[in-house]
Full PDB file with SEQRES, HELIX, SHEET, SSBOND, CRYST1, ORIGX, SCALE, CONECT and MASTER records, all heavy atoms in Angstrom:
SEQRES   1 A   41  LEU LEU LEU ASP GLN ASP ALA ARG THR ALA GLN PHE ALA          
SEQRES   2 A   41  PHE ASN GLY MET TYR VAL ALA ASP GLY MET SER ASN VAL          
SEQRES   3 A   41  LEU LYS LEU PHE ILE CYS VAL ALA VAL ALA MET VAL LEU          
SEQRES   4 A   41  ILE TYR                                                      
HELIX    1 AA1 GLY A   22  ILE A   40  1                                  19    
SHEET    1 AA1 2 GLN A  11  ALA A  13  0                                        
SHEET    2 AA1 2 TYR A  18  ALA A  20 -1                                        
CRYST1    1.000    1.000    1.000  90.00  90.00  90.00 P 1           1          
ORIGX1      1.000000  0.000000  0.000000        0.00000                         
ORIGX2      0.000000  1.000000  0.000000        0.00000                         
ORIGX3      0.000000  0.000000  1.000000        0.00000                         
SCALE1      1.000000  0.000000  0.000000        0.00000                         
SCALE2      0.000000  1.000000  0.000000        0.00000                         
SCALE3      0.000000  0.000000  1.000000        0.00000                         
ATOM      1  N   LEU A   1       0.817  -1.200  -0.014  1.00  0.00           N  
ATOM      2  CA  LEU A   1      -0.062   0.062   0.026  1.00  0.00           C  
ATOM      3  C   LEU A   1       0.870   1.290  -0.035  1.00  0.00           C  
ATOM      4  O   LEU A   1       0.507   2.228  -0.674  1.00  0.00           O  
ATOM      5  CB  LEU A   1      -0.952  -0.007   1.250  1.00  0.00           C  
ATOM      6  CG  LEU A   1      -2.111  -0.930   1.197  1.00  0.00           C  
ATOM      7  CD1 LEU A   1      -2.827  -0.904   2.610  1.00  0.00           C  
ATOM      8  CD2 LEU A   1      -3.107  -0.621   0.150  1.00  0.00           C  
ATOM      9  N   LEU A   2       2.008   1.183   0.774  1.00  0.00           N  
ATOM     10  CA  LEU A   2       2.959   2.335   0.772  1.00  0.00           C  
ATOM     11  C   LEU A   2       3.485   2.633  -0.618  1.00  0.00           C  
ATOM     12  O   LEU A   2       3.732   3.772  -0.996  1.00  0.00           O  
ATOM     13  CB  LEU A   2       3.999   2.119   1.776  1.00  0.00           C  
ATOM     14  CG  LEU A   2       3.513   2.172   3.228  1.00  0.00           C  
ATOM     15  CD1 LEU A   2       4.502   1.511   4.190  1.00  0.00           C  
ATOM     16  CD2 LEU A   2       3.400   3.676   3.628  1.00  0.00           C  
ATOM     17  N   LEU A   3       3.835   1.533  -1.326  1.00  0.00           N  
ATOM     18  CA  LEU A   3       4.366   1.649  -2.747  1.00  0.00           C  
ATOM     19  C   LEU A   3       3.402   2.330  -3.702  1.00  0.00           C  
ATOM     20  O   LEU A   3       3.770   3.037  -4.594  1.00  0.00           O  
ATOM     21  CB  LEU A   3       4.769   0.254  -3.247  1.00  0.00           C  
ATOM     22  CG  LEU A   3       6.096  -0.318  -2.716  1.00  0.00           C  
ATOM     23  CD1 LEU A   3       6.257  -1.716  -3.186  1.00  0.00           C  
ATOM     24  CD2 LEU A   3       7.284   0.486  -3.201  1.00  0.00           C  
ATOM     25  N   ASP A   4       2.094   2.082  -3.301  1.00  0.00           N  
ATOM     26  CA  ASP A   4       1.080   2.629  -4.220  1.00  0.00           C  
ATOM     27  C   ASP A   4       0.736   4.018  -3.917  1.00  0.00           C  
ATOM     28  O   ASP A   4       0.022   4.724  -4.686  1.00  0.00           O  
ATOM     29  CB  ASP A   4      -0.259   1.713  -4.045  1.00  0.00           C  
ATOM     30  CG  ASP A   4      -1.266   1.975  -5.165  1.00  0.00           C  
ATOM     31  OD1 ASP A   4      -0.750   2.008  -6.286  1.00  0.00           O  
ATOM     32  OD2 ASP A   4      -2.383   2.182  -4.908  1.00  0.00           O  
ATOM     33  N   GLN A   5       1.264   4.624  -2.771  1.00  0.00           N  
ATOM     34  CA  GLN A   5       0.899   6.036  -2.472  1.00  0.00           C  
ATOM     35  C   GLN A   5       1.715   7.020  -3.260  1.00  0.00           C  
ATOM     36  O   GLN A   5       2.846   6.789  -3.592  1.00  0.00           O  
ATOM     37  CB  GLN A   5       1.112   6.186  -0.981  1.00  0.00           C  
ATOM     38  CG  GLN A   5       0.010   5.717  -0.072  1.00  0.00           C  
ATOM     39  CD  GLN A   5       0.029   6.394   1.365  1.00  0.00           C  
ATOM     40  OE1 GLN A   5       1.069   6.698   1.768  1.00  0.00           O  
ATOM     41  NE2 GLN A   5      -1.096   6.575   1.891  1.00  0.00           N  
ATOM     42  N   ASP A   6       1.081   8.179  -3.506  1.00  0.00           N  
ATOM     43  CA  ASP A   6       1.761   9.262  -4.258  1.00  0.00           C  
ATOM     44  C   ASP A   6       2.502  10.097  -3.213  1.00  0.00           C  
ATOM     45  O   ASP A   6       1.851  10.770  -2.329  1.00  0.00           O  
ATOM     46  CB  ASP A   6       0.722  10.103  -4.931  1.00  0.00           C  
ATOM     47  CG  ASP A   6       1.377  11.244  -5.717  1.00  0.00           C  
ATOM     48  OD1 ASP A   6       2.632  11.218  -5.924  1.00  0.00           O  
ATOM     49  OD2 ASP A   6       0.610  12.180  -6.152  1.00  0.00           O  
ATOM     50  N   ALA A   7       3.829  10.039  -3.274  1.00  0.00           N  
ATOM     51  CA  ALA A   7       4.661  10.738  -2.251  1.00  0.00           C  
ATOM     52  C   ALA A   7       5.264  12.035  -2.770  1.00  0.00           C  
ATOM     53  O   ALA A   7       6.118  12.599  -2.146  1.00  0.00           O  
ATOM     54  CB  ALA A   7       5.820   9.823  -1.693  1.00  0.00           C  
ATOM     55  N   ARG A   8       4.790  12.459  -3.930  1.00  0.00           N  
ATOM     56  CA  ARG A   8       5.354  13.732  -4.521  1.00  0.00           C  
ATOM     57  C   ARG A   8       5.024  14.943  -3.724  1.00  0.00           C  
ATOM     58  O   ARG A   8       5.798  15.868  -3.616  1.00  0.00           O  
ATOM     59  CB  ARG A   8       4.866  13.908  -5.969  1.00  0.00           C  
ATOM     60  CG  ARG A   8       5.598  12.878  -6.969  1.00  0.00           C  
ATOM     61  CD  ARG A   8       4.983  12.963  -8.341  1.00  0.00           C  
ATOM     62  NE  ARG A   8       3.551  12.507  -8.339  1.00  0.00           N  
ATOM     63  CZ  ARG A   8       2.804  12.366  -9.447  1.00  0.00           C  
ATOM     64  NH1 ARG A   8       3.378  12.616 -10.580  1.00  0.00           N  
ATOM     65  NH2 ARG A   8       1.581  11.864  -9.362  1.00  0.00           N  
ATOM     66  N   THR A   9       3.836  14.980  -3.088  1.00  0.00           N  
ATOM     67  CA  THR A   9       3.485  16.050  -2.200  1.00  0.00           C  
ATOM     68  C   THR A   9       3.040  15.556  -0.892  1.00  0.00           C  
ATOM     69  O   THR A   9       2.509  14.470  -0.811  1.00  0.00           O  
ATOM     70  CB  THR A   9       2.243  16.928  -2.888  1.00  0.00           C  
ATOM     71  OG1 THR A   9       1.198  15.956  -3.124  1.00  0.00           O  
ATOM     72  CG2 THR A   9       2.756  17.505  -4.174  1.00  0.00           C  
ATOM     73  N   ALA A  10       3.214  16.416   0.124  1.00  0.00           N  
ATOM     74  CA  ALA A  10       2.859  15.959   1.528  1.00  0.00           C  
ATOM     75  C   ALA A  10       1.227  15.992   1.557  1.00  0.00           C  
ATOM     76  O   ALA A  10       0.637  16.926   1.127  1.00  0.00           O  
ATOM     77  CB  ALA A  10       3.420  16.875   2.591  1.00  0.00           C  
ATOM     78  N   GLN A  11       0.683  14.914   2.102  1.00  0.00           N  
ATOM     79  CA  GLN A  11      -0.715  14.807   2.345  1.00  0.00           C  
ATOM     80  C   GLN A  11      -1.066  14.697   3.825  1.00  0.00           C  
ATOM     81  O   GLN A  11      -0.442  13.858   4.522  1.00  0.00           O  
ATOM     82  CB  GLN A  11      -1.277  13.660   1.655  1.00  0.00           C  
ATOM     83  CG  GLN A  11      -1.060  13.516   0.123  1.00  0.00           C  
ATOM     84  CD  GLN A  11      -1.517  12.235  -0.478  1.00  0.00           C  
ATOM     85  OE1 GLN A  11      -2.702  11.878  -0.463  1.00  0.00           O  
ATOM     86  NE2 GLN A  11      -0.509  11.408  -0.997  1.00  0.00           N  
ATOM     87  N   PHE A  12      -1.939  15.574   4.328  1.00  0.00           N  
ATOM     88  CA  PHE A  12      -2.222  15.648   5.742  1.00  0.00           C  
ATOM     89  C   PHE A  12      -3.591  14.972   6.006  1.00  0.00           C  
ATOM     90  O   PHE A  12      -4.452  14.937   5.182  1.00  0.00           O  
ATOM     91  CB  PHE A  12      -2.266  17.079   6.169  1.00  0.00           C  
ATOM     92  CG  PHE A  12      -0.865  17.761   6.187  1.00  0.00           C  
ATOM     93  CD1 PHE A  12      -0.429  18.342   5.044  1.00  0.00           C  
ATOM     94  CD2 PHE A  12      -0.021  17.700   7.332  1.00  0.00           C  
ATOM     95  CE1 PHE A  12       0.860  18.932   4.959  1.00  0.00           C  
ATOM     96  CE2 PHE A  12       1.160  18.316   7.293  1.00  0.00           C  
ATOM     97  CZ  PHE A  12       1.664  18.869   6.154  1.00  0.00           C  
ATOM     98  N   ALA A  13      -3.672  14.464   7.273  1.00  0.00           N  
ATOM     99  CA  ALA A  13      -4.899  13.828   7.787  1.00  0.00           C  
ATOM    100  C   ALA A  13      -5.069  14.142   9.253  1.00  0.00           C  
ATOM    101  O   ALA A  13      -4.090  14.548   9.833  1.00  0.00           O  
ATOM    102  CB  ALA A  13      -4.918  12.334   7.520  1.00  0.00           C  
ATOM    103  N   PHE A  14      -6.220  13.915   9.752  1.00  0.00           N  
ATOM    104  CA  PHE A  14      -6.475  14.075  11.229  1.00  0.00           C  
ATOM    105  C   PHE A  14      -6.185  15.510  11.683  1.00  0.00           C  
ATOM    106  O   PHE A  14      -5.407  15.677  12.591  1.00  0.00           O  
ATOM    107  CB  PHE A  14      -5.827  13.016  12.051  1.00  0.00           C  
ATOM    108  CG  PHE A  14      -6.059  11.611  11.605  1.00  0.00           C  
ATOM    109  CD1 PHE A  14      -5.099  10.824  11.087  1.00  0.00           C  
ATOM    110  CD2 PHE A  14      -7.297  10.997  11.644  1.00  0.00           C  
ATOM    111  CE1 PHE A  14      -5.255   9.504  10.598  1.00  0.00           C  
ATOM    112  CE2 PHE A  14      -7.543   9.732  11.289  1.00  0.00           C  
ATOM    113  CZ  PHE A  14      -6.511   8.990  10.714  1.00  0.00           C  
ATOM    114  N   ASN A  15      -6.769  16.422  10.979  1.00  0.00           N  
ATOM    115  CA  ASN A  15      -6.607  17.926  11.369  1.00  0.00           C  
ATOM    116  C   ASN A  15      -5.153  18.341  11.441  1.00  0.00           C  
ATOM    117  O   ASN A  15      -4.666  19.074  12.285  1.00  0.00           O  
ATOM    118  CB  ASN A  15      -7.149  18.163  12.744  1.00  0.00           C  
ATOM    119  CG  ASN A  15      -8.705  18.125  12.706  1.00  0.00           C  
ATOM    120  OD1 ASN A  15      -9.295  18.510  11.689  1.00  0.00           O  
ATOM    121  ND2 ASN A  15      -9.337  17.529  13.722  1.00  0.00           N  
ATOM    122  N   GLY A  16      -4.374  17.790  10.483  1.00  0.00           N  
ATOM    123  CA  GLY A  16      -2.921  18.118  10.363  1.00  0.00           C  
ATOM    124  C   GLY A  16      -1.956  17.510  11.302  1.00  0.00           C  
ATOM    125  O   GLY A  16      -0.852  17.820  11.395  1.00  0.00           O  
ATOM    126  N   MET A  17      -2.470  16.508  12.062  1.00  0.00           N  
ATOM    127  CA  MET A  17      -1.623  15.799  13.040  1.00  0.00           C  
ATOM    128  C   MET A  17      -0.841  14.713  12.347  1.00  0.00           C  
ATOM    129  O   MET A  17       0.060  14.118  12.929  1.00  0.00           O  
ATOM    130  CB  MET A  17      -2.460  15.205  14.154  1.00  0.00           C  
ATOM    131  CG  MET A  17      -3.166  16.323  15.020  1.00  0.00           C  
ATOM    132  SD  MET A  17      -4.243  15.526  16.279  1.00  0.00           S  
ATOM    133  CE  MET A  17      -2.890  14.980  17.473  1.00  0.00           C  
ATOM    134  N   TYR A  18      -1.230  14.375  11.154  1.00  0.00           N  
ATOM    135  CA  TYR A  18      -0.517  13.213  10.429  1.00  0.00           C  
ATOM    136  C   TYR A  18      -0.142  13.671   9.023  1.00  0.00           C  
ATOM    137  O   TYR A  18      -0.942  14.359   8.420  1.00  0.00           O  
ATOM    138  CB  TYR A  18      -1.595  12.005  10.377  1.00  0.00           C  
ATOM    139  CG  TYR A  18      -1.199  10.832   9.454  1.00  0.00           C  
ATOM    140  CD1 TYR A  18      -0.559   9.749  10.083  1.00  0.00           C  
ATOM    141  CD2 TYR A  18      -1.337  10.940   8.087  1.00  0.00           C  
ATOM    142  CE1 TYR A  18      -0.214   8.675   9.237  1.00  0.00           C  
ATOM    143  CE2 TYR A  18      -0.855   9.903   7.318  1.00  0.00           C  
ATOM    144  CZ  TYR A  18      -0.308   8.773   7.986  1.00  0.00           C  
ATOM    145  OH  TYR A  18       0.096   7.732   7.094  1.00  0.00           O  
ATOM    146  N   VAL A  19       0.956  13.344   8.594  1.00  0.00           N  
ATOM    147  CA  VAL A  19       1.488  13.625   7.326  1.00  0.00           C  
ATOM    148  C   VAL A  19       2.083  12.425   6.565  1.00  0.00           C  
ATOM    149  O   VAL A  19       2.737  11.608   7.100  1.00  0.00           O  
ATOM    150  CB  VAL A  19       2.513  14.880   7.372  1.00  0.00           C  
ATOM    151  CG1 VAL A  19       3.773  14.384   8.153  1.00  0.00           C  
ATOM    152  CG2 VAL A  19       2.904  15.206   5.932  1.00  0.00           C  
ATOM    153  N   ALA A  20       1.692  12.283   5.272  1.00  0.00           N  
ATOM    154  CA  ALA A  20       2.295  11.300   4.435  1.00  0.00           C  
ATOM    155  C   ALA A  20       3.090  11.993   3.401  1.00  0.00           C  
ATOM    156  O   ALA A  20       2.572  12.637   2.522  1.00  0.00           O  
ATOM    157  CB  ALA A  20       1.263  10.428   3.828  1.00  0.00           C  
ATOM    158  N   ASP A  21       4.388  11.952   3.518  1.00  0.00           N  
ATOM    159  CA  ASP A  21       5.298  12.539   2.620  1.00  0.00           C  
ATOM    160  C   ASP A  21       6.354  11.537   2.105  1.00  0.00           C  
ATOM    161  O   ASP A  21       6.328  10.425   2.509  1.00  0.00           O  
ATOM    162  CB  ASP A  21       5.937  13.832   3.209  1.00  0.00           C  
ATOM    163  CG  ASP A  21       6.625  13.558   4.492  1.00  0.00           C  
ATOM    164  OD1 ASP A  21       6.863  12.451   4.840  1.00  0.00           O  
ATOM    165  OD2 ASP A  21       7.015  14.515   5.202  1.00  0.00           O  
ATOM    166  N   GLY A  22       7.320  12.030   1.364  1.00  0.00           N  
ATOM    167  CA  GLY A  22       8.360  11.228   0.767  1.00  0.00           C  
ATOM    168  C   GLY A  22       9.183  10.532   1.924  1.00  0.00           C  
ATOM    169  O   GLY A  22       9.334   9.234   1.877  1.00  0.00           O  
ATOM    170  N   MET A  23       9.513  11.182   2.930  1.00  0.00           N  
ATOM    171  CA  MET A  23      10.400  10.608   4.041  1.00  0.00           C  
ATOM    172  C   MET A  23       9.576   9.508   4.787  1.00  0.00           C  
ATOM    173  O   MET A  23      10.142   8.418   5.051  1.00  0.00           O  
ATOM    174  CB  MET A  23      10.894  11.686   5.038  1.00  0.00           C  
ATOM    175  CG  MET A  23      11.776  11.153   6.172  1.00  0.00           C  
ATOM    176  SD  MET A  23      12.342  12.361   7.343  1.00  0.00           S  
ATOM    177  CE  MET A  23      10.896  12.607   8.315  1.00  0.00           C  
ATOM    178  N   SER A  24       8.332   9.868   5.137  1.00  0.00           N  
ATOM    179  CA  SER A  24       7.549   8.905   5.896  1.00  0.00           C  
ATOM    180  C   SER A  24       7.306   7.622   5.091  1.00  0.00           C  
ATOM    181  O   SER A  24       7.380   6.526   5.619  1.00  0.00           O  
ATOM    182  CB  SER A  24       6.250   9.557   6.384  1.00  0.00           C  
ATOM    183  OG  SER A  24       5.429   9.839   5.293  1.00  0.00           O  
ATOM    184  N   ASN A  25       6.975   7.805   3.819  1.00  0.00           N  
ATOM    185  CA  ASN A  25       6.694   6.559   2.929  1.00  0.00           C  
ATOM    186  C   ASN A  25       7.796   5.720   2.858  1.00  0.00           C  
ATOM    187  O   ASN A  25       7.673   4.447   2.939  1.00  0.00           O  
ATOM    188  CB  ASN A  25       6.207   7.079   1.641  1.00  0.00           C  
ATOM    189  CG  ASN A  25       4.721   7.553   1.628  1.00  0.00           C  
ATOM    190  OD1 ASN A  25       4.122   7.679   2.620  1.00  0.00           O  
ATOM    191  ND2 ASN A  25       4.158   7.680   0.428  1.00  0.00           N  
ATOM    192  N   VAL A  26       9.010   6.243   2.549  1.00  0.00           N  
ATOM    193  CA  VAL A  26      10.165   5.423   2.477  1.00  0.00           C  
ATOM    194  C   VAL A  26      10.548   4.660   3.685  1.00  0.00           C  
ATOM    195  O   VAL A  26      10.815   3.527   3.745  1.00  0.00           O  
ATOM    196  CB  VAL A  26      11.341   6.219   1.898  1.00  0.00           C  
ATOM    197  CG1 VAL A  26      12.611   5.405   1.983  1.00  0.00           C  
ATOM    198  CG2 VAL A  26      11.083   6.728   0.515  1.00  0.00           C  
ATOM    199  N   LEU A  27      10.536   5.435   4.777  1.00  0.00           N  
ATOM    200  CA  LEU A  27      10.851   4.869   6.114  1.00  0.00           C  
ATOM    201  C   LEU A  27       9.839   3.725   6.540  1.00  0.00           C  
ATOM    202  O   LEU A  27      10.187   2.672   7.076  1.00  0.00           O  
ATOM    203  CB  LEU A  27      10.996   5.966   7.190  1.00  0.00           C  
ATOM    204  CG  LEU A  27      12.255   6.824   7.055  1.00  0.00           C  
ATOM    205  CD1 LEU A  27      12.096   7.988   8.148  1.00  0.00           C  
ATOM    206  CD2 LEU A  27      13.425   6.019   7.375  1.00  0.00           C  
ATOM    207  N   LYS A  28       8.547   4.061   6.317  1.00  0.00           N  
ATOM    208  CA  LYS A  28       7.590   3.093   6.679  1.00  0.00           C  
ATOM    209  C   LYS A  28       7.631   1.769   5.866  1.00  0.00           C  
ATOM    210  O   LYS A  28       7.341   0.674   6.340  1.00  0.00           O  
ATOM    211  CB  LYS A  28       6.138   3.768   6.571  1.00  0.00           C  
ATOM    212  CG  LYS A  28       5.814   4.742   7.625  1.00  0.00           C  
ATOM    213  CD  LYS A  28       4.413   5.173   7.648  1.00  0.00           C  
ATOM    214  CE  LYS A  28       4.074   6.043   6.523  1.00  0.00           C  
ATOM    215  NZ  LYS A  28       2.745   6.677   6.650  1.00  0.00           N  
ATOM    216  N   LEU A  29       7.965   1.977   4.533  1.00  0.00           N  
ATOM    217  CA  LEU A  29       8.232   0.841   3.731  1.00  0.00           C  
ATOM    218  C   LEU A  29       9.326  -0.123   4.283  1.00  0.00           C  
ATOM    219  O   LEU A  29       9.105  -1.285   4.493  1.00  0.00           O  
ATOM    220  CB  LEU A  29       8.611   1.304   2.258  1.00  0.00           C  
ATOM    221  CG  LEU A  29       8.950   0.200   1.263  1.00  0.00           C  
ATOM    222  CD1 LEU A  29       7.676  -0.659   0.922  1.00  0.00           C  
ATOM    223  CD2 LEU A  29       9.493   0.764  -0.039  1.00  0.00           C  
ATOM    224  N   PHE A  30      10.457   0.558   4.679  1.00  0.00           N  
ATOM    225  CA  PHE A  30      11.580  -0.245   5.244  1.00  0.00           C  
ATOM    226  C   PHE A  30      11.145  -0.838   6.550  1.00  0.00           C  
ATOM    227  O   PHE A  30      11.605  -1.978   6.927  1.00  0.00           O  
ATOM    228  CB  PHE A  30      12.799   0.649   5.359  1.00  0.00           C  
ATOM    229  CG  PHE A  30      13.489   0.850   4.027  1.00  0.00           C  
ATOM    230  CD1 PHE A  30      13.729   2.103   3.554  1.00  0.00           C  
ATOM    231  CD2 PHE A  30      13.911  -0.220   3.319  1.00  0.00           C  
ATOM    232  CE1 PHE A  30      14.361   2.370   2.372  1.00  0.00           C  
ATOM    233  CE2 PHE A  30      14.639  -0.042   2.080  1.00  0.00           C  
ATOM    234  CZ  PHE A  30      14.826   1.311   1.583  1.00  0.00           C  
ATOM    235  N   ILE A  31      10.380  -0.080   7.394  1.00  0.00           N  
ATOM    236  CA  ILE A  31       9.942  -0.579   8.730  1.00  0.00           C  
ATOM    237  C   ILE A  31       9.135  -1.895   8.546  1.00  0.00           C  
ATOM    238  O   ILE A  31       9.406  -2.870   9.299  1.00  0.00           O  
ATOM    239  CB  ILE A  31       9.052   0.497   9.404  1.00  0.00           C  
ATOM    240  CG1 ILE A  31      10.032   1.633  10.023  1.00  0.00           C  
ATOM    241  CG2 ILE A  31       8.291  -0.064  10.562  1.00  0.00           C  
ATOM    242  CD1 ILE A  31       9.317   2.843  10.449  1.00  0.00           C  
ATOM    243  N   CYS A  32       8.109  -1.852   7.621  1.00  0.00           N  
ATOM    244  CA  CYS A  32       7.300  -2.993   7.386  1.00  0.00           C  
ATOM    245  C   CYS A  32       8.114  -4.227   6.990  1.00  0.00           C  
ATOM    246  O   CYS A  32       7.978  -5.399   7.420  1.00  0.00           O  
ATOM    247  CB  CYS A  32       6.221  -2.707   6.384  1.00  0.00           C  
ATOM    248  SG  CYS A  32       4.958  -1.627   6.986  1.00  0.00           S  
ATOM    249  N   VAL A  33       9.061  -4.035   6.016  1.00  0.00           N  
ATOM    250  CA  VAL A  33       9.896  -5.097   5.471  1.00  0.00           C  
ATOM    251  C   VAL A  33      10.779  -5.618   6.658  1.00  0.00           C  
ATOM    252  O   VAL A  33      10.990  -6.835   6.759  1.00  0.00           O  
ATOM    253  CB  VAL A  33      10.707  -4.616   4.333  1.00  0.00           C  
ATOM    254  CG1 VAL A  33      11.695  -5.707   3.993  1.00  0.00           C  
ATOM    255  CG2 VAL A  33       9.781  -4.306   3.179  1.00  0.00           C  
ATOM    256  N   ALA A  34      11.388  -4.659   7.384  1.00  0.00           N  
ATOM    257  CA  ALA A  34      12.211  -5.147   8.563  1.00  0.00           C  
ATOM    258  C   ALA A  34      11.525  -5.997   9.630  1.00  0.00           C  
ATOM    259  O   ALA A  34      12.098  -6.925  10.016  1.00  0.00           O  
ATOM    260  CB  ALA A  34      12.910  -3.864   9.158  1.00  0.00           C  
ATOM    261  N   VAL A  35      10.296  -5.562  10.030  1.00  0.00           N  
ATOM    262  CA  VAL A  35       9.604  -6.268  10.993  1.00  0.00           C  
ATOM    263  C   VAL A  35       9.153  -7.651  10.464  1.00  0.00           C  
ATOM    264  O   VAL A  35       9.183  -8.711  11.163  1.00  0.00           O  
ATOM    265  CB  VAL A  35       8.360  -5.490  11.435  1.00  0.00           C  
ATOM    266  CG1 VAL A  35       7.466  -6.342  12.499  1.00  0.00           C  
ATOM    267  CG2 VAL A  35       8.840  -4.223  12.191  1.00  0.00           C  
ATOM    268  N   ALA A  36       8.781  -7.735   9.139  1.00  0.00           N  
ATOM    269  CA  ALA A  36       8.515  -9.030   8.485  1.00  0.00           C  
ATOM    270  C   ALA A  36       9.738  -9.895   8.598  1.00  0.00           C  
ATOM    271  O   ALA A  36       9.666 -11.123   8.878  1.00  0.00           O  
ATOM    272  CB  ALA A  36       8.003  -8.890   7.120  1.00  0.00           C  
ATOM    273  N   MET A  37      10.949  -9.380   8.327  1.00  0.00           N  
ATOM    274  CA  MET A  37      12.236 -10.196   8.355  1.00  0.00           C  
ATOM    275  C   MET A  37      12.485 -10.640   9.781  1.00  0.00           C  
ATOM    276  O   MET A  37      12.938 -11.848  10.012  1.00  0.00           O  
ATOM    277  CB  MET A  37      13.332  -9.308   7.899  1.00  0.00           C  
ATOM    278  CG  MET A  37      13.349  -9.084   6.360  1.00  0.00           C  
ATOM    279  SD  MET A  37      14.614  -7.846   5.822  1.00  0.00           S  
ATOM    280  CE  MET A  37      16.111  -8.911   6.103  1.00  0.00           C  
ATOM    281  N   VAL A  38      12.129  -9.725  10.810  1.00  0.00           N  
ATOM    282  CA  VAL A  38      12.320 -10.214  12.242  1.00  0.00           C  
ATOM    283  C   VAL A  38      11.490 -11.439  12.479  1.00  0.00           C  
ATOM    284  O   VAL A  38      11.955 -12.353  13.118  1.00  0.00           O  
ATOM    285  CB  VAL A  38      11.963  -9.049  13.124  1.00  0.00           C  
ATOM    286  CG1 VAL A  38      11.797  -9.540  14.605  1.00  0.00           C  
ATOM    287  CG2 VAL A  38      12.968  -7.930  13.038  1.00  0.00           C  
ATOM    288  N   LEU A  39      10.232 -11.474  12.058  1.00  0.00           N  
ATOM    289  CA  LEU A  39       9.339 -12.556  12.322  1.00  0.00           C  
ATOM    290  C   LEU A  39       9.811 -13.891  11.607  1.00  0.00           C  
ATOM    291  O   LEU A  39       9.717 -14.884  12.129  1.00  0.00           O  
ATOM    292  CB  LEU A  39       7.912 -12.175  11.852  1.00  0.00           C  
ATOM    293  CG  LEU A  39       7.148 -11.110  12.586  1.00  0.00           C  
ATOM    294  CD1 LEU A  39       5.820 -10.821  12.068  1.00  0.00           C  
ATOM    295  CD2 LEU A  39       7.096 -11.545  14.175  1.00  0.00           C  
ATOM    296  N   ILE A  40      10.319 -13.671  10.348  1.00  0.00           N  
ATOM    297  CA  ILE A  40      10.878 -14.879   9.649  1.00  0.00           C  
ATOM    298  C   ILE A  40      12.133 -15.384  10.415  1.00  0.00           C  
ATOM    299  O   ILE A  40      12.234 -16.612  10.572  1.00  0.00           O  
ATOM    300  CB  ILE A  40      11.108 -14.536   8.175  1.00  0.00           C  
ATOM    301  CG1 ILE A  40       9.808 -14.141   7.541  1.00  0.00           C  
ATOM    302  CG2 ILE A  40      11.756 -15.729   7.454  1.00  0.00           C  
ATOM    303  CD1 ILE A  40       9.995 -13.570   6.069  1.00  0.00           C  
ATOM    304  N   TYR A  41      12.966 -14.594  10.703  1.00  0.00           N  
ATOM    305  CA  TYR A  41      14.234 -14.960  11.341  1.00  0.00           C  
ATOM    306  C   TYR A  41      13.969 -15.684  12.755  1.00  0.00           C  
ATOM    307  O   TYR A  41      14.631 -16.581  13.103  1.00  0.00           O  
ATOM    308  CB  TYR A  41      15.130 -13.723  11.646  1.00  0.00           C  
ATOM    309  CG  TYR A  41      16.062 -13.373  10.542  1.00  0.00           C  
ATOM    310  CD1 TYR A  41      16.265 -12.003  10.191  1.00  0.00           C  
ATOM    311  CD2 TYR A  41      16.791 -14.329   9.803  1.00  0.00           C  
ATOM    312  CE1 TYR A  41      17.035 -11.571   9.091  1.00  0.00           C  
ATOM    313  CE2 TYR A  41      17.642 -13.914   8.742  1.00  0.00           C  
ATOM    314  CZ  TYR A  41      17.792 -12.608   8.482  1.00  0.00           C  
ATOM    315  OH  TYR A  41      18.635 -12.261   7.451  1.00  0.00           O  
TER     316      TYR A  41                                                      
MASTER        0    0    0    1    2    0    0    6  315    1    0    4          
END                                                                             
């Protein structure tokens, strides 16, 4: 789902308390993959 998101511009939600931008998308992608690797290991 993170790969499918458009990260070219920052998108806000929850009255500006949440932002989806380039940095968050890339880091969250690596976070999900890393935790999946932890479970497999």
